[in-house]
Amino acid sequence: MGWDARSVPVMSAATAAAVASSYDLGAVVGGPVYAARGEQGRIWRLDTRGGSWAVKELLMPVGEADAARDVEFQLAAWAAGIPLPLPRLTGAGRVLLPAQEAASAWSLRVYQWADLAPRQAVTGAEIGAVTARLHQVQQVDPRPVEAWFSEPVGEPAWQALLSDARRGGAPWAGALGRRLPELIALDAAVAAPDPALMRTCHRDLNTENVRRAAGGGVIVLDWENSGPAQPERELAAIAADLAAPAASAAYAAYREAGGPARLSRTADFAMAAAVQGHLLQFFSRRALGRDESPENRTRCRERLGHLLRQPLTMSRIDRLLDLLAR
């Protein structure tokens, strides 16, 4: 049974007023209305005299310096013609509104509202083309790459993950057990990135975050994960997330649009392999966590089922490389 959206805590009128005041949005005329949920936050629509806004409750801690860095990248991408909902700064020039100032349990940030075309998926070719344009943005992030994107889970942690799932009677324990030898073997694909090839990347490009805009074309959402990566590793992660025909179309469109990366070796999939492993850990812990909300547990059980149906494996990487070389 799916999670009931009616159980989402309501954003208070006091919080909405604090957001409108802090970000100079004008008086509130409608909302807040719950709109969507991602792994890192909930989105609310807030209508004010200044327009319509996406207010994001940050369910994970974020520092102002990191948020300012992703805003810098968003603005560079927007200047290069990448369609995205522009971030909004407070009157004091900050990205984030701390929880205590927002009369909220969570820190907040604000974007222009983007109307999406309902039930209209983007194509692999569209994702490939917009990724090519994004990879031509010359932005360098000097920070080291986080373990989430660059380090393997490791066999002891994989075994512990399976033990926890079995001990908790998790419905995905059987699938995890069957897949575990392949997941452990995939750790060998996770090689350290080359510092000389790093640039700022979105690091979460997929069909959930590249959407069709109501007015036509695509729009790129959810930039909070952006940071240092090798473009070919981001491109490989996109290919791994798509079905084979769409992956082939994405890669062809990427090259045609002047994207600089090329996929030719197993190491290109290092980021995809690392992220998949850490996502499986993250979702499993949340799904089993007694202190987690029903919303979180249900979302994570669904995500685990999806990931374990067709995970990235060494044999799947080989098939993808063969397909993309044609």
C-alpha atoms as a PDB file:
ATOM      1  CA  MET A   1       0.000   0.000   0.000  1.00  0.00           C
ATOM      2  CA  GLY A   2       1.368   3.417  -0.973  1.00  0.00           C
ATOM      3  CA  TRP A   3       1.964   6.268   1.397  1.00  0.00           C
ATOM      4  CA  ASP A   4      -0.975   8.702   1.859  1.00  0.00           C
ATOM      5  CA  ALA A   5      -0.014  12.275   0.964  1.00  0.00           C
ATOM      6  CA  ARG A   6      -2.645  13.518   3.426  1.00  0.00           C
ATOM      7  CA  SER A   7      -0.230  12.597   6.216  1.00  0.00           C
ATOM      8  CA  VAL A   8       2.265  15.330   5.195  1.00  0.00           C
ATOM      9  CA  PRO A   9       2.545  18.001   7.912  1.00  0.00           C
ATOM     10  CA  VAL A  10       0.924  21.244   6.836  1.00  0.00           C
ATOM     11  CA  MET A  11       3.159  24.274   6.307  1.00  0.00           C
ATOM     12  CA  SER A  12       1.868  26.940   8.673  1.00  0.00           C
ATOM     13  CA  ALA A  13       0.638  30.367   7.689  1.00  0.00           C
ATOM     14  CA  ALA A  14       3.374  31.789   9.927  1.00  0.00           C
ATOM     15  CA  THR A  15       6.048  29.969   7.913  1.00  0.00           C
ATOM     16  CA  ALA A  16       4.518  31.107   4.622  1.00  0.00           C
ATOM     17  CA  ALA A  17       4.498  34.697   5.853  1.00  0.00           C
ATOM     18  CA  ALA A  18       8.112  34.445   7.047  1.00  0.00           C
ATOM     19  CA  VAL A  19       9.187  33.112   3.649  1.00  0.00           C
ATOM     20  CA  ALA A  20       7.334  35.832   1.762  1.00  0.00           C
ATOM     21  CA  SER A  21       8.847  38.526   3.964  1.00  0.00           C
ATOM     22  CA  SER A  22      12.412  37.178   4.020  1.00  0.00           C
ATOM     23  CA  TYR A  23      12.602  36.609   0.254  1.00  0.00           C
ATOM     24  CA  ASP A  24      10.727  39.831  -0.653  1.00  0.00           C
ATOM     25  CA  LEU A  25       8.025  37.898  -2.490  1.00  0.00           C
ATOM     26  CA  GLY A  26       5.126  40.224  -1.701  1.00  0.00           C
ATOM     27  CA  ALA A  27       2.017  39.470   0.331  1.00  0.00           C
ATOM     28  CA  VAL A  28       0.757  35.877   0.348  1.00  0.00           C
ATOM     29  CA  VAL A  29      -2.373  35.448  -1.797  1.00  0.00           C
ATOM     30  CA  GLY A  30      -2.591  31.652  -2.001  1.00  0.00           C
ATOM     31  CA  GLY A  31      -1.098  28.567  -0.426  1.00  0.00           C
ATOM     32  CA  PRO A  32       1.085  27.074   0.732  1.00  0.00           C
ATOM     33  CA  VAL A  33      -0.042  23.983  -1.187  1.00  0.00           C
ATOM     34  CA  TYR A  34       1.891  20.709  -1.013  1.00  0.00           C
ATOM     35  CA  ALA A  35       3.275  19.895  -4.461  1.00  0.00           C
ATOM     36  CA  ALA A  36       5.964  17.183  -4.424  1.00  0.00           C
ATOM     37  CA  ARG A  37       8.505  15.263  -2.391  1.00  0.00           C
ATOM     38  CA  GLY A  38      12.108  14.386  -3.216  1.00  0.00           C
ATOM     39  CA  GLU A  39      14.729  12.634  -1.111  1.00  0.00           C
ATOM     40  CA  GLN A  40      16.127  15.924   0.156  1.00  0.00           C
ATOM     41  CA  GLY A  41      12.986  17.949   0.647  1.00  0.00           C
ATOM     42  CA  ARG A  42       9.298  18.699   0.256  1.00  0.00           C
ATOM     43  CA  ILE A  43       8.085  21.258  -2.266  1.00  0.00           C
ATOM     44  CA  TRP A  44       5.234  23.658  -1.559  1.00  0.00           C
ATOM     45  CA  ARG A  45       3.651  26.119  -3.971  1.00  0.00           C
ATOM     46  CA  LEU A  46       3.267  29.602  -2.558  1.00  0.00           C
ATOM     47  CA  ASP A  47       1.421  32.323  -4.484  1.00  0.00           C
ATOM     48  CA  THR A  48       2.179  35.926  -3.624  1.00  0.00           C
ATOM     49  CA  ARG A  49       1.669  39.314  -5.192  1.00  0.00           C
ATOM     50  CA  GLY A  50       5.137  38.864  -6.676  1.00  0.00           C
ATOM     51  CA  GLY A  51       4.337  35.594  -8.472  1.00  0.00           C
ATOM     52  CA  SER A  52       4.314  31.862  -7.794  1.00  0.00           C
ATOM     53  CA  TRP A  53       7.163  30.189  -5.905  1.00  0.00           C
ATOM     54  CA  ALA A  54       8.446  26.741  -5.041  1.00  0.00           C
ATOM     55  CA  VAL A  55       9.336  26.654  -1.352  1.00  0.00           C
ATOM     56  CA  LYS A  56      11.533  23.692  -0.497  1.00  0.00           C
ATOM     57  CA  GLU A  57      11.668  22.315   3.038  1.00  0.00           C
ATOM     58  CA  LEU A  58      15.142  20.813   3.435  1.00  0.00           C
ATOM     59  CA  LEU A  59      14.794  17.430   5.141  1.00  0.00           C
ATOM     60  CA  MET A  60      18.581  17.013   5.309  1.00  0.00           C
ATOM     61  CA  PRO A  61      21.061  19.517   6.759  1.00  0.00           C
ATOM     62  CA  VAL A  62      22.595  21.926   4.236  1.00  0.00           C
ATOM     63  CA  GLY A  63      25.113  24.694   4.885  1.00  0.00           C
ATOM     64  CA  GLU A  64      24.774  28.177   3.422  1.00  0.00           C
ATOM     65  CA  ALA A  65      28.179  27.942   1.694  1.00  0.00           C
ATOM     66  CA  ASP A  66      27.199  24.737  -0.127  1.00  0.00           C
ATOM     67  CA  ALA A  67      23.822  26.171  -1.087  1.00  0.00           C
ATOM     68  CA  ALA A  68      25.463  29.336  -2.397  1.00  0.00           C
ATOM     69  CA  ARG A  69      27.812  27.205  -4.497  1.00  0.00           C
ATOM     70  CA  ASP A  70      24.978  25.296  -6.159  1.00  0.00           C
ATOM     71  CA  VAL A  71      23.179  28.606  -6.832  1.00  0.00           C
ATOM     72  CA  GLU A  72      26.333  29.903  -8.532  1.00  0.00           C
ATOM     73  CA  PHE A  73      26.299  26.857 -10.800  1.00  0.00           C
ATOM     74  CA  GLN A  74      22.594  27.230 -11.522  1.00  0.00           C
ATOM     75  CA  LEU A  75      23.057  30.833 -12.564  1.00  0.00           C
ATOM     76  CA  ALA A  76      25.982  29.891 -14.832  1.00  0.00           C
ATOM     77  CA  ALA A  77      23.835  27.169 -16.415  1.00  0.00           C
ATOM     78  CA  TRP A  78      20.905  29.569 -16.846  1.00  0.00           C
ATOM     79  CA  ALA A  79      23.202  32.133 -18.488  1.00  0.00           C
ATOM     80  CA  ALA A  80      24.288  29.388 -20.908  1.00  0.00           C
ATOM     81  CA  GLY A  81      20.671  28.762 -21.899  1.00  0.00           C
ATOM     82  CA  ILE A  82      19.849  25.758 -19.708  1.00  0.00           C
ATOM     83  CA  PRO A  83      16.154  26.008 -18.762  1.00  0.00           C
ATOM     84  CA  LEU A  84      15.690  25.885 -14.979  1.00  0.00           C
ATOM     85  CA  PRO A  85      13.592  27.514 -12.243  1.00  0.00           C
ATOM     86  CA  LEU A  86      15.718  30.390 -11.006  1.00  0.00           C
ATOM     87  CA  PRO A  87      16.683  30.318  -7.319  1.00  0.00           C
ATOM     88  CA  ARG A  88      15.609  33.220  -5.143  1.00  0.00           C
ATOM     89  CA  LEU A  89      17.789  34.877  -2.486  1.00  0.00           C
ATOM     90  CA  THR A  90      16.614  36.519   0.708  1.00  0.00           C
ATOM     91  CA  GLY A  91      16.720  40.270   1.080  1.00  0.00           C
ATOM     92  CA  ALA A  92      19.981  39.735   2.979  1.00  0.00           C
ATOM     93  CA  GLY A  93      21.477  37.822   0.036  1.00  0.00           C
ATOM     94  CA  ARG A  94      21.247  34.331   1.575  1.00  0.00           C
ATOM     95  CA  VAL A  95      20.058  31.173  -0.146  1.00  0.00           C
ATOM     96  CA  LEU A  96      18.713  29.487   2.989  1.00  0.00           C
ATOM     97  CA  LEU A  97      16.195  30.633   5.566  1.00  0.00           C
ATOM     98  CA  PRO A  98      17.130  28.903   8.839  1.00  0.00           C
ATOM     99  CA  ALA A  99      14.413  26.931  10.591  1.00  0.00           C
ATOM    100  CA  GLN A 100      14.177  29.303  13.556  1.00  0.00           C
ATOM    101  CA  GLU A 101      13.643  32.297  11.268  1.00  0.00           C
ATOM    102  CA  ALA A 102      11.066  30.381   9.255  1.00  0.00           C
ATOM    103  CA  ALA A 103       8.995  29.231  12.254  1.00  0.00           C
ATOM    104  CA  SER A 104       9.537  25.733  10.896  1.00  0.00           C
ATOM    105  CA  ALA A 105      11.132  22.435  11.802  1.00  0.00           C
ATOM    106  CA  TRP A 106      13.211  22.715   8.629  1.00  0.00           C
ATOM    107  CA  SER A 107      15.416  25.198   6.841  1.00  0.00           C
ATOM    108  CA  LEU A 108      13.930  26.474   3.591  1.00  0.00           C
ATOM    109  CA  ARG A 109      14.950  27.750   0.188  1.00  0.00           C
ATOM    110  CA  VAL A 110      12.932  29.261  -2.660  1.00  0.00           C
ATOM    111  CA  TYR A 111      12.778  28.922  -6.446  1.00  0.00           C
ATOM    112  CA  GLN A 112      10.573  30.398  -9.115  1.00  0.00           C
ATOM    113  CA  TRP A 113       7.611  28.106  -9.686  1.00  0.00           C
ATOM    114  CA  ALA A 114       7.827  25.954 -12.842  1.00  0.00           C
ATOM    115  CA  ASP A 115       4.670  24.531 -14.409  1.00  0.00           C
ATOM    116  CA  LEU A 116       5.281  21.005 -15.699  1.00  0.00           C
ATOM    117  CA  ALA A 117       3.393  19.097 -18.378  1.00  0.00           C
ATOM    118  CA  PRO A 118       1.584  16.274 -16.548  1.00  0.00           C
ATOM    119  CA  ARG A 119       2.231  12.680 -17.610  1.00  0.00           C
ATOM    120  CA  GLN A 120       4.582  13.676 -20.446  1.00  0.00           C
ATOM    121  CA  ALA A 121       7.954  11.980 -20.039  1.00  0.00           C
ATOM    122  CA  VAL A 122      11.043  13.416 -21.672  1.00  0.00           C
ATOM    123  CA  THR A 123      12.923  11.298 -24.193  1.00  0.00           C
ATOM    124  CA  GLY A 124      16.433   9.928 -23.916  1.00  0.00           C
ATOM    125  CA  ALA A 125      17.452  12.233 -26.751  1.00  0.00           C
ATOM    126  CA  GLU A 126      16.201  15.279 -24.851  1.00  0.00           C
ATOM    127  CA  ILE A 127      18.122  14.284 -21.725  1.00  0.00           C
ATOM    128  CA  GLY A 128      21.265  13.710 -23.782  1.00  0.00           C
ATOM    129  CA  ALA A 129      20.998  17.059 -25.541  1.00  0.00           C
ATOM    130  CA  VAL A 130      20.479  19.107 -22.368  1.00  0.00           C
ATOM    131  CA  THR A 131      23.332  17.238 -20.655  1.00  0.00           C
ATOM    132  CA  ALA A 132      25.640  18.146 -23.534  1.00  0.00           C
ATOM    133  CA  ARG A 133      24.766  21.812 -23.115  1.00  0.00           C
ATOM    134  CA  LEU A 134      25.327  21.581 -19.372  1.00  0.00           C
ATOM    135  CA  HIS A 135      28.737  19.914 -19.828  1.00  0.00           C
ATOM    136  CA  GLN A 136      29.823  22.876 -21.928  1.00  0.00           C
ATOM    137  CA  VAL A 137      29.391  25.207 -18.951  1.00  0.00           C
ATOM    138  CA  GLN A 138      32.914  25.918 -17.714  1.00  0.00           C
ATOM    139  CA  GLN A 139      32.485  25.819 -13.958  1.00  0.00           C
ATOM    140  CA  VAL A 140      35.044  24.268 -11.592  1.00  0.00           C
ATOM    141  CA  ASP A 141      34.211  23.137  -8.060  1.00  0.00           C
ATOM    142  CA  PRO A 142      37.390  22.983  -5.924  1.00  0.00           C
ATOM    143  CA  ARG A 143      35.882  20.761  -3.223  1.00  0.00           C
ATOM    144  CA  PRO A 144      36.915  17.092  -2.930  1.00  0.00           C
ATOM    145  CA  VAL A 145      34.429  14.565  -4.255  1.00  0.00           C
ATOM    146  CA  GLU A 146      32.224  13.122  -1.522  1.00  0.00           C
ATOM    147  CA  ALA A 147      32.389   9.403  -0.742  1.00  0.00           C
ATOM    148  CA  TRP A 148      28.772   9.076  -1.914  1.00  0.00           C
ATOM    149  CA  PHE A 149      29.950   9.668  -5.487  1.00  0.00           C
ATOM    150  CA  SER A 150      33.419   8.146  -5.400  1.00  0.00           C
ATOM    151  CA  GLU A 151      33.842   5.275  -2.937  1.00  0.00           C
ATOM    152  CA  PRO A 152      32.558   1.682  -2.964  1.00  0.00           C
ATOM    153  CA  VAL A 153      30.324   0.279  -0.250  1.00  0.00           C
ATOM    154  CA  GLY A 154      32.706  -2.618   0.467  1.00  0.00           C
ATOM    155  CA  GLU A 155      31.908  -6.281   1.075  1.00  0.00           C
ATOM    156  CA  PRO A 156      31.576  -6.052   4.901  1.00  0.00           C
ATOM    157  CA  ALA A 157      28.994  -3.279   4.564  1.00  0.00           C
ATOM    158  CA  TRP A 158      27.122  -5.218   1.865  1.00  0.00           C
ATOM    159  CA  GLN A 159      26.956  -8.278   4.109  1.00  0.00           C
ATOM    160  CA  ALA A 160      25.756  -6.142   7.026  1.00  0.00           C
ATOM    161  CA  LEU A 161      23.089  -4.627   4.796  1.00  0.00           C
ATOM    162  CA  LEU A 162      21.759  -8.075   3.921  1.00  0.00           C
ATOM    163  CA  SER A 163      21.872  -9.225   7.550  1.00  0.00           C
ATOM    164  CA  ASP A 164      19.902  -6.175   8.660  1.00  0.00           C
ATOM    165  CA  ALA A 165      17.294  -6.745   5.944  1.00  0.00           C
ATOM    166  CA  ARG A 166      16.857 -10.403   6.878  1.00  0.00           C
ATOM    167  CA  ARG A 167      16.747  -9.633  10.598  1.00  0.00           C
ATOM    168  CA  GLY A 168      14.078  -7.000   9.991  1.00  0.00           C
ATOM    169  CA  GLY A 169      11.977  -9.325   7.835  1.00  0.00           C
ATOM    170  CA  ALA A 170      12.314  -6.871   4.946  1.00  0.00           C
ATOM    171  CA  PRO A 171      10.361  -7.790   1.808  1.00  0.00           C
ATOM    172  CA  TRP A 172      13.384  -6.862  -0.326  1.00  0.00           C
ATOM    173  CA  ALA A 173      15.787  -9.158   1.552  1.00  0.00           C
ATOM    174  CA  GLY A 174      15.325 -11.984  -0.960  1.00  0.00           C
ATOM    175  CA  ALA A 175      16.084  -9.784  -3.963  1.00  0.00           C
ATOM    176  CA  LEU A 176      19.068  -8.253  -2.179  1.00  0.00           C
ATOM    177  CA  GLY A 177      20.418 -11.698  -1.334  1.00  0.00           C
ATOM    178  CA  ARG A 178      20.138 -12.840  -4.944  1.00  0.00           C
ATOM    179  CA  ARG A 179      21.796  -9.681  -6.240  1.00  0.00           C
ATOM    180  CA  LEU A 180      24.495  -9.415  -3.568  1.00  0.00           C
ATOM    181  CA  PRO A 181      27.329 -11.253  -5.414  1.00  0.00           C
ATOM    182  CA  GLU A 182      26.868  -8.941  -8.415  1.00  0.00           C
ATOM    183  CA  LEU A 183      26.675  -5.842  -6.222  1.00  0.00           C
ATOM    184  CA  ILE A 184      29.861  -6.793  -4.395  1.00  0.00           C
ATOM    185  CA  ALA A 185      31.610  -7.455  -7.716  1.00  0.00           C
ATOM    186  CA  LEU A 186      30.489  -4.051  -9.008  1.00  0.00           C
ATOM    187  CA  ASP A 187      32.580  -2.340  -6.326  1.00  0.00           C
ATOM    188  CA  ALA A 188      35.598  -3.085  -8.523  1.00  0.00           C
ATOM    189  CA  ALA A 189      34.275  -0.521 -11.022  1.00  0.00           C
ATOM    190  CA  VAL A 190      34.534   2.295  -8.467  1.00  0.00           C
ATOM    191  CA  ALA A 191      37.847   4.002  -9.213  1.00  0.00           C
ATOM    192  CA  ALA A 192      38.978   7.366  -7.849  1.00  0.00           C
ATOM    193  CA  PRO A 193      38.178  10.295 -10.168  1.00  0.00           C
ATOM    194  CA  ASP A 194      40.911  12.165 -12.029  1.00  0.00           C
ATOM    195  CA  PRO A 195      41.269  15.667 -10.502  1.00  0.00           C
ATOM    196  CA  ALA A 196      42.396  17.059 -13.852  1.00  0.00           C
ATOM    197  CA  LEU A 197      39.099  16.082 -15.473  1.00  0.00           C
ATOM    198  CA  MET A 198      36.762  17.413 -12.810  1.00  0.00           C
ATOM    199  CA  ARG A 199      34.222  20.154 -13.319  1.00  0.00           C
ATOM    200  CA  THR A 200      30.933  21.093 -11.712  1.00  0.00           C
ATOM    201  CA  CYS A 201      28.144  18.721 -12.714  1.00  0.00           C
ATOM    202  CA  HIS A 202      24.474  18.377 -11.772  1.00  0.00           C
ATOM    203  CA  ARG A 203      25.057  14.785 -10.489  1.00  0.00           C
ATOM    204  CA  ASP A 204      21.346  13.891 -10.433  1.00  0.00           C
ATOM    205  CA  LEU A 205      20.205  14.059 -14.053  1.00  0.00           C
ATOM    206  CA  ASN A 206      17.403  11.573 -14.736  1.00  0.00           C
ATOM    207  CA  THR A 207      13.785  11.448 -15.843  1.00  0.00           C
ATOM    208  CA  GLU A 208      12.654  12.744 -12.446  1.00  0.00           C
ATOM    209  CA  ASN A 209      14.784  15.875 -12.664  1.00  0.00           C
ATOM    210  CA  VAL A 210      14.684  16.583 -16.403  1.00  0.00           C
ATOM    211  CA  ARG A 211      11.009  17.259 -17.036  1.00  0.00           C
ATOM    212  CA  ARG A 212       8.796  18.570 -19.790  1.00  0.00           C
ATOM    213  CA  ALA A 213       7.711  22.141 -19.175  1.00  0.00           C
ATOM    214  CA  ALA A 214       4.049  23.039 -19.598  1.00  0.00           C
ATOM    215  CA  GLY A 215       4.996  25.593 -22.236  1.00  0.00           C
ATOM    216  CA  GLY A 216       7.125  23.099 -24.192  1.00  0.00           C
ATOM    217  CA  GLY A 217      10.722  21.957 -24.090  1.00  0.00           C
ATOM    218  CA  VAL A 218      12.484  20.540 -21.059  1.00  0.00           C
ATOM    219  CA  ILE A 219      13.407  22.064 -17.713  1.00  0.00           C
ATOM    220  CA  VAL A 220      16.112  20.857 -15.311  1.00  0.00           C
ATOM    221  CA  LEU A 221      15.190  20.616 -11.620  1.00  0.00           C
ATOM    222  CA  ASP A 222      16.803  19.716  -8.272  1.00  0.00           C
ATOM    223  CA  TRP A 223      20.314  21.172  -8.417  1.00  0.00           C
ATOM    224  CA  GLU A 224      21.169  20.652  -4.742  1.00  0.00           C
ATOM    225  CA  ASN A 225      23.364  17.609  -5.491  1.00  0.00           C
ATOM    226  CA  SER A 226      25.551  19.520  -7.935  1.00  0.00           C
ATOM    227  CA  GLY A 227      29.276  19.422  -7.346  1.00  0.00           C
ATOM    228  CA  PRO A 228      32.576  18.064  -8.667  1.00  0.00           C
ATOM    229  CA  ALA A 229      32.489  15.128 -11.084  1.00  0.00           C
ATOM    230  CA  GLN A 230      33.937  13.920 -14.360  1.00  0.00           C
ATOM    231  CA  PRO A 231      31.475  14.604 -17.208  1.00  0.00           C
ATOM    232  CA  GLU A 232      31.865  11.100 -18.647  1.00  0.00           C
ATOM    233  CA  ARG A 233      30.894   9.633 -15.272  1.00  0.00           C
ATOM    234  CA  GLU A 234      27.767  11.755 -15.128  1.00  0.00           C
ATOM    235  CA  LEU A 235      26.947  10.760 -18.710  1.00  0.00           C
ATOM    236  CA  ALA A 236      27.447   7.077 -17.853  1.00  0.00           C
ATOM    237  CA  ALA A 237      25.132   7.429 -14.849  1.00  0.00           C
ATOM    238  CA  ILE A 238      22.461   8.852 -17.137  1.00  0.00           C
ATOM    239  CA  ALA A 239      22.880   5.969 -19.598  1.00  0.00           C
ATOM    240  CA  ALA A 240      22.682   3.442 -16.765  1.00  0.00           C
ATOM    241  CA  ASP A 241      19.414   4.964 -15.557  1.00  0.00           C
ATOM    242  CA  LEU A 242      17.703   4.567 -18.936  1.00  0.00           C
ATOM    243  CA  ALA A 243      16.391   1.581 -20.846  1.00  0.00           C
ATOM    244  CA  ALA A 244      18.707   0.452 -23.660  1.00  0.00           C
ATOM    245  CA  PRO A 245      16.992   2.256 -26.592  1.00  0.00           C
ATOM    246  CA  ALA A 246      16.727   5.503 -24.613  1.00  0.00           C
ATOM    247  CA  ALA A 247      20.363   5.210 -23.452  1.00  0.00           C
ATOM    248  CA  SER A 248      21.494   4.865 -27.059  1.00  0.00           C
ATOM    249  CA  ALA A 249      19.364   7.847 -28.127  1.00  0.00           C
ATOM    250  CA  ALA A 250      20.691   9.929 -25.215  1.00  0.00           C
ATOM    251  CA  TYR A 251      24.309   9.209 -26.108  1.00  0.00           C
ATOM    252  CA  ALA A 252      23.763   9.968 -29.804  1.00  0.00           C
ATOM    253  CA  ALA A 253      22.000  13.250 -29.002  1.00  0.00           C
ATOM    254  CA  TYR A 254      24.716  14.180 -26.503  1.00  0.00           C
ATOM    255  CA  ARG A 255      27.456  13.788 -29.116  1.00  0.00           C
ATOM    256  CA  GLU A 256      25.418  15.578 -31.788  1.00  0.00           C
ATOM    257  CA  ALA A 257      24.889  18.530 -29.419  1.00  0.00           C
ATOM    258  CA  GLY A 258      28.641  18.870 -28.840  1.00  0.00           C
ATOM    259  CA  GLY A 259      28.935  17.157 -25.478  1.00  0.00           C
ATOM    260  CA  PRO A 260      32.633  16.663 -24.623  1.00  0.00           C
ATOM    261  CA  ALA A 261      32.479  13.265 -22.869  1.00  0.00           C
ATOM    262  CA  ARG A 262      32.804   9.816 -24.437  1.00  0.00           C
ATOM    263  CA  LEU A 263      32.037   6.423 -22.906  1.00  0.00           C
ATOM    264  CA  SER A 264      34.497   3.642 -23.611  1.00  0.00           C
ATOM    265  CA  ARG A 265      35.492   1.841 -20.410  1.00  0.00           C
ATOM    266  CA  THR A 266      34.151   0.317 -17.222  1.00  0.00           C
ATOM    267  CA  ALA A 267      35.655   3.095 -15.064  1.00  0.00           C
ATOM    268  CA  ASP A 268      33.315   5.583 -16.729  1.00  0.00           C
ATOM    269  CA  PHE A 269      30.535   3.974 -14.660  1.00  0.00           C
ATOM    270  CA  ALA A 270      32.374   4.467 -11.348  1.00  0.00           C
ATOM    271  CA  MET A 271      30.062   7.222 -10.105  1.00  0.00           C
ATOM    272  CA  ALA A 272      26.931   5.305 -11.094  1.00  0.00           C
ATOM    273  CA  ALA A 273      28.186   2.239  -9.233  1.00  0.00           C
ATOM    274  CA  ALA A 274      29.119   4.213  -6.101  1.00  0.00           C
ATOM    275  CA  VAL A 275      25.811   6.100  -5.990  1.00  0.00           C
ATOM    276  CA  GLN A 276      23.769   2.938  -6.503  1.00  0.00           C
ATOM    277  CA  GLY A 277      25.518   1.240  -3.581  1.00  0.00           C
ATOM    278  CA  HIS A 278      25.057   4.200  -1.246  1.00  0.00           C
ATOM    279  CA  LEU A 279      21.426   4.603  -2.287  1.00  0.00           C
ATOM    280  CA  LEU A 280      20.726   0.961  -1.448  1.00  0.00           C
ATOM    281  CA  GLN A 281      22.307   1.514   1.968  1.00  0.00           C
ATOM    282  CA  PHE A 282      20.403   4.740   2.535  1.00  0.00           C
ATOM    283  CA  PHE A 283      17.014   3.394   1.483  1.00  0.00           C
ATOM    284  CA  SER A 284      17.446   0.188   3.467  1.00  0.00           C
ATOM    285  CA  ARG A 285      18.355   2.010   6.668  1.00  0.00           C
ATOM    286  CA  ARG A 286      15.444   4.391   6.304  1.00  0.00           C
ATOM    287  CA  ALA A 287      12.977   1.642   5.427  1.00  0.00           C
ATOM    288  CA  LEU A 288      13.993  -0.311   8.526  1.00  0.00           C
ATOM    289  CA  GLY A 289      14.366   2.686  10.850  1.00  0.00           C
ATOM    290  CA  ARG A 290      11.862   2.596  13.685  1.00  0.00           C
ATOM    291  CA  ASP A 291      12.143   6.342  14.174  1.00  0.00           C
ATOM    292  CA  GLU A 292      11.503   7.122  10.501  1.00  0.00           C
ATOM    293  CA  SER A 293       8.155   8.538   9.404  1.00  0.00           C
ATOM    294  CA  PRO A 294       5.674   6.294   7.543  1.00  0.00           C
ATOM    295  CA  GLU A 295       6.277   8.567   4.542  1.00  0.00           C
ATOM    296  CA  ASN A 296      10.016   7.857   4.560  1.00  0.00           C
ATOM    297  CA  ARG A 297       9.657   4.125   5.139  1.00  0.00           C
ATOM    298  CA  THR A 298       7.122   3.696   2.334  1.00  0.00           C
ATOM    299  CA  ARG A 299       9.120   5.784  -0.138  1.00  0.00           C
ATOM    300  CA  CYS A 300      12.278   3.828   0.620  1.00  0.00           C
ATOM    301  CA  ARG A 301      10.621   0.422   0.269  1.00  0.00           C
ATOM    302  CA  GLU A 302       9.360   1.457  -3.158  1.00  0.00           C
ATOM    303  CA  ARG A 303      12.788   2.759  -4.181  1.00  0.00           C
ATOM    304  CA  LEU A 304      14.493  -0.433  -3.057  1.00  0.00           C
ATOM    305  CA  GLY A 305      12.115  -2.526  -5.117  1.00  0.00           C
ATOM    306  CA  HIS A 306      12.827  -0.403  -8.171  1.00  0.00           C
ATOM    307  CA  LEU A 307      16.624  -0.461  -7.742  1.00  0.00           C
ATOM    308  CA  LEU A 308      16.826  -4.210  -7.168  1.00  0.00           C
ATOM    309  CA  ARG A 309      14.695  -5.124 -10.191  1.00  0.00           C
ATOM    310  CA  GLN A 310      17.472  -4.213 -12.633  1.00  0.00           C
ATOM    311  CA  PRO A 311      20.551  -2.927 -10.822  1.00  0.00           C
ATOM    312  CA  LEU A 312      23.727  -1.818 -12.496  1.00  0.00           C
ATOM    313  CA  THR A 313      26.127  -4.781 -12.665  1.00  0.00           C
ATOM    314  CA  MET A 314      29.404  -5.512 -14.426  1.00  0.00           C
ATOM    315  CA  SER A 315      27.591  -7.503 -17.107  1.00  0.00           C
ATOM    316  CA  ARG A 316      25.123  -4.672 -17.662  1.00  0.00           C
ATOM    317  CA  ILE A 317      28.000  -2.199 -18.013  1.00  0.00           C
ATOM    318  CA  ASP A 318      29.522  -4.459 -20.671  1.00  0.00           C
ATOM    319  CA  ARG A 319      26.206  -4.534 -22.549  1.00  0.00           C
ATOM    320  CA  LEU A 320      25.862  -0.758 -22.344  1.00  0.00           C
ATOM    321  CA  LEU A 321      29.383  -0.156 -23.611  1.00  0.00           C
ATOM    322  CA  ASP A 322      28.749  -2.527 -26.511  1.00  0.00           C
ATOM    323  CA  LEU A 323      25.463  -0.782 -27.317  1.00  0.00           C
ATOM    324  CA  LEU A 324      26.938   2.724 -27.181  1.00  0.00           C
ATOM    325  CA  ALA A 325      29.930   1.779 -29.329  1.00  0.00           C
ATOM    326  CA  ARG A 326      27.705   0.947 -32.291  1.00  0.00           C
END
